[in-house]
C-alpha cells in the first residue's frame, strides 16, 4: 500500500510539472520567434541581402529563381515601396501542432508620405 501511495504521489507531482514545462517552453519559443523576426527585419532594413536570403524560406528563394534573382526582386520592391526606418515586430499568435510551433507576427512599418507620417 505504501508503494502505491508513493507511485500516486510521484505521478501527481510529474503531472503538475507538465503545464509549467509547457509554459516555459512556449515562452522560449516565443522569444526565439521574436528574435528571428527582428533579425529578418534588420537584415532587410540594412540591405544585408546575404543574411536576409539565408533567413528566408528556401522555397521562396527558389520560386524567384535563386538567390541573385530574389535579391534583385527585394531591391526593386524596397525601392518602389520607399520603406525607411525601424519597424515594430510583435507576436500575435503562437500555436503548437504535434512537434511543430507556428507563430504569427505583426510588423508595423513607420512610413512617411509627402513628409508626413502615415
Protein backbone atom coordinates (compact mmCIF):
# COMPACT_ATOMS: atom_id res chain seq x y z
CA UNK A 1 0.00 0.00 0.00
CA UNK A 2 2.89 2.32 0.81
CA UNK A 3 4.44 1.83 -2.66
CA UNK A 4 1.07 2.58 -4.31
CA UNK A 5 0.84 5.88 -2.39
CA UNK A 6 4.41 6.72 -3.39
CA UNK A 7 3.68 5.99 -7.07
CA UNK A 8 0.48 8.06 -6.98
CA UNK A 9 2.32 10.94 -5.31
CA UNK A 10 5.16 10.82 -7.87
CA UNK A 11 2.66 10.66 -10.75
CA UNK A 12 0.75 13.64 -9.35
CA UNK A 13 3.96 15.67 -8.99
CA UNK A 14 5.05 14.76 -12.50
CA UNK A 15 1.66 15.71 -13.97
CA UNK A 16 1.71 19.01 -12.07
CA UNK A 17 5.05 19.88 -13.73
CA UNK A 18 3.84 19.34 -17.30
CA UNK A 19 1.88 22.66 -17.62
CA UNK A 20 4.81 24.54 -16.06
CA UNK A 21 7.22 22.97 -18.56
CA UNK A 22 4.84 23.79 -21.45
CA UNK A 23 4.62 27.42 -20.35
CA UNK A 24 8.37 27.88 -20.12
CA UNK A 25 8.76 26.01 -23.41
CA UNK A 26 6.27 28.30 -25.18
CA UNK A 27 7.92 31.39 -23.67
CA UNK A 28 11.30 30.28 -25.04
CA UNK A 29 9.79 29.58 -28.46
CA UNK A 30 8.10 32.99 -28.45
CA UNK A 31 11.38 34.75 -27.59
CA UNK A 32 13.11 32.87 -30.38
CA UNK A 33 10.35 33.75 -32.89
CA UNK A 34 10.54 37.45 -31.99
CA UNK A 35 14.33 37.36 -32.27
CA UNK A 36 14.13 35.66 -35.68
CA UNK A 37 11.56 38.17 -37.00
CA UNK A 38 13.65 41.06 -35.69
CA UNK A 39 16.80 39.65 -37.35
CA UNK A 40 14.95 39.25 -40.65
CA UNK A 41 13.62 42.81 -40.44
CA UNK A 42 17.04 44.26 -39.51
CA UNK A 43 18.70 42.45 -42.43
CA UNK A 44 16.07 43.89 -44.81
CA UNK A 45 16.41 47.44 -43.45
CA UNK A 46 20.22 47.37 -43.64
CA UNK A 47 20.23 45.90 -47.17
CA UNK A 48 22.08 42.87 -45.83
CA UNK A 49 20.71 40.62 -48.56
CA UNK A 50 23.05 37.71 -47.81
CA UNK A 51 21.66 37.33 -44.27
CA UNK A 52 18.09 38.09 -45.38
CA UNK A 53 18.20 35.34 -48.01
CA UNK A 54 19.82 32.91 -45.54
CA UNK A 55 16.95 33.54 -43.08
CA UNK A 56 14.24 33.35 -45.75
CA UNK A 57 12.25 30.25 -46.56
CA UNK A 58 14.20 28.30 -49.23
CA UNK A 59 11.05 27.70 -51.28
CA UNK A 60 10.53 31.43 -51.84
CA UNK A 61 14.15 31.89 -52.91
CA UNK A 62 13.72 29.04 -55.39
CA UNK A 63 10.39 30.50 -56.59
CA UNK A 64 12.16 33.70 -57.67
CA UNK A 65 14.86 31.74 -59.49
CA UNK A 66 17.64 31.60 -56.93
CA UNK A 67 19.46 33.92 -54.58
CA UNK A 68 20.51 36.50 -57.18
CA UNK A 69 17.02 36.85 -58.69
CA UNK A 70 15.45 37.01 -55.22
CA UNK A 71 17.92 39.70 -54.16
CA UNK A 72 17.09 41.74 -57.27
CA UNK A 73 13.39 41.37 -56.52
CA UNK A 74 13.91 42.53 -52.92
CA UNK A 75 15.89 45.57 -54.04
CA UNK A 76 13.22 46.60 -56.56
CA UNK A 77 10.41 46.03 -54.04
CA UNK A 78 12.14 48.07 -51.36
CA UNK A 79 12.86 50.93 -53.78
CA UNK A 80 9.25 51.02 -55.04
CA UNK A 81 7.75 50.88 -51.55
CA UNK A 82 10.03 53.61 -50.21
CA UNK A 83 10.49 51.71 -46.94
CA UNK A 84 12.63 53.54 -44.40
CA UNK A 85 13.17 53.36 -40.67
CA UNK A 86 12.70 50.75 -37.97
CA UNK A 87 9.66 48.51 -37.91
CA UNK A 88 7.87 47.29 -34.81
CA UNK A 89 7.62 43.48 -34.67
CA UNK A 90 5.30 41.82 -32.15
CA UNK A 91 3.79 38.34 -31.76
CA UNK A 92 0.08 37.91 -32.41
CA UNK A 93 -0.45 34.17 -32.02
CA UNK A 94 1.59 31.11 -31.06
CA UNK A 95 0.32 27.62 -31.83
CA UNK A 96 1.74 24.17 -31.33
CA UNK A 97 0.69 21.26 -33.50
CA UNK A 98 2.31 17.97 -32.60
CA UNK A 99 6.06 18.76 -32.62
CA UNK A 100 5.87 21.97 -34.64
CA UNK A 101 5.43 25.56 -33.47
CA UNK A 102 3.77 28.22 -35.60
CA UNK A 103 3.91 31.92 -34.80
CA UNK A 104 2.06 34.81 -36.42
CA UNK A 105 3.90 38.12 -36.16
CA UNK A 106 2.61 41.65 -36.77
CA UNK A 107 5.02 44.09 -38.39
CA UNK A 108 4.15 47.76 -38.18
CA UNK A 109 6.14 49.97 -40.53
CA UNK A 110 6.66 53.67 -39.96
CA UNK A 111 6.29 55.33 -43.35
CA UNK A 112 6.04 58.93 -44.44
CA UNK A 113 4.14 60.24 -47.45
CA UNK A 114 4.75 63.81 -48.63
CA UNK A 115 6.77 64.47 -45.49
CA UNK A 116 4.01 63.35 -43.09
CA UNK A 117 3.79 60.18 -41.06
CA UNK A 118 1.43 57.58 -42.46
